[in-house]
Amino acid sequence: MSEGSYGPLLPRQRRARRRRSVKLVPWAVRAAAAVVVFAVGVAFGQAVESDSGEGGSRTYVRTLVPETLPPETATVTVTTP
């Protein structure tokens, strides 16, 4: 059998494959941590939103209509030279 792409891996090729797989591990851990943090955030948001305690605050929205002001009177004196 000839040593080609289907033959046994040389030590150098084994190390190269191992390095590639070792580089993927930190990224996989980071991605898993990001998914966990996202899930905890979603769960916390839902828990806060669904908390409907009886002594809570209420918000009222009103539109205030401005009152009209009386017109100001001013005296203007015009002199001609």
Protein backbone atom coordinates (compact mmCIF):
# COMPACT_ATOMS: atom_id res chain seq x y z
CA MET A 1 0.00 0.00 0.00
CA SER A 2 1.39 3.41 -0.87
CA GLU A 3 1.68 6.19 1.71
CA GLY A 4 -0.71 8.86 0.42
CA SER A 5 -3.62 10.80 1.71
CA TYR A 6 -5.25 7.54 2.81
CA GLY A 7 -2.20 6.13 4.59
CA PRO A 8 -1.29 6.46 8.27
CA LEU A 9 -0.71 9.95 9.56
CA LEU A 10 2.82 11.09 10.11
CA PRO A 11 3.66 12.54 13.54
CA ARG A 12 3.77 16.05 12.06
CA GLN A 13 0.26 15.67 10.62
CA ARG A 14 -1.04 14.31 13.92
CA ARG A 15 0.28 17.36 15.75
CA ALA A 16 -1.27 19.68 13.17
CA ARG A 17 -4.68 18.05 13.63
CA ARG A 18 -4.31 18.15 17.41
CA ARG A 19 -3.44 21.88 17.28
CA ARG A 20 -6.54 22.61 15.19
CA SER A 21 -8.79 20.75 17.61
CA VAL A 22 -7.13 22.41 20.61
CA LYS A 23 -7.82 25.83 19.08
CA LEU A 24 -11.51 24.98 18.77
CA VAL A 25 -11.96 24.11 22.45
CA PRO A 26 -11.75 27.69 23.85
CA TRP A 27 -14.23 28.91 21.23
CA ALA A 28 -16.63 26.10 22.08
CA VAL A 29 -16.39 26.95 25.79
CA ARG A 30 -16.99 30.65 25.07
CA ALA A 31 -19.99 29.87 22.87
CA ALA A 32 -21.48 27.60 25.54
CA ALA A 33 -20.93 30.29 28.19
CA ALA A 34 -22.63 32.88 25.98
CA VAL A 35 -25.64 30.61 25.51
CA VAL A 36 -25.90 30.05 29.28
CA VAL A 37 -25.66 33.79 30.02
CA PHE A 38 -28.32 34.52 27.40
CA ALA A 39 -30.65 31.86 28.82
CA VAL A 40 -30.22 33.20 32.36
CA GLY A 41 -30.98 36.72 31.11
CA VAL A 42 -34.15 35.59 29.35
CA ALA A 43 -35.29 33.68 32.45
CA PHE A 44 -34.61 36.70 34.67
CA GLY A 45 -36.51 39.00 32.31
CA GLN A 46 -39.52 36.71 32.27
CA ALA A 47 -39.48 36.41 36.06
CA VAL A 48 -39.41 40.18 36.51
CA GLU A 49 -42.14 40.68 33.92
CA SER A 50 -44.48 38.10 35.42
CA ASP A 51 -44.11 39.45 38.98
CA SER A 52 -47.56 40.95 39.55
CA GLY A 53 -47.49 41.77 43.24
CA GLU A 54 -50.58 43.38 44.80
CA GLY A 55 -48.82 46.37 46.37
CA GLY A 56 -47.23 47.55 43.14
CA SER A 57 -47.24 51.03 41.71
CA ARG A 58 -49.69 52.29 39.14
CA THR A 59 -49.00 54.67 36.33
CA TYR A 60 -51.59 57.12 35.05
CA VAL A 61 -51.12 59.01 31.83
CA ARG A 62 -52.93 62.31 31.42
CA THR A 63 -52.73 64.95 28.74
CA LEU A 64 -52.60 68.45 30.15
CA VAL A 65 -54.36 71.11 28.12
CA PRO A 66 -52.57 74.46 28.28
CA GLU A 67 -54.63 77.43 29.34
CA THR A 68 -54.72 80.57 27.26
CA LEU A 69 -52.88 83.58 28.61
CA PRO A 70 -54.33 87.08 28.50
CA PRO A 71 -52.70 89.25 25.84
CA GLU A 72 -50.05 91.68 27.07
CA THR A 73 -50.60 95.32 26.39
CA ALA A 74 -47.66 97.45 25.39
CA THR A 75 -47.42 101.15 24.65
CA VAL A 76 -45.23 102.11 21.70
CA THR A 77 -44.26 105.73 21.12
CA VAL A 78 -43.08 106.70 17.66
CA THR A 79 -41.31 110.01 17.15
CA THR A 80 -40.39 111.53 13.82
CA PRO A 81 -37.28 113.70 13.42
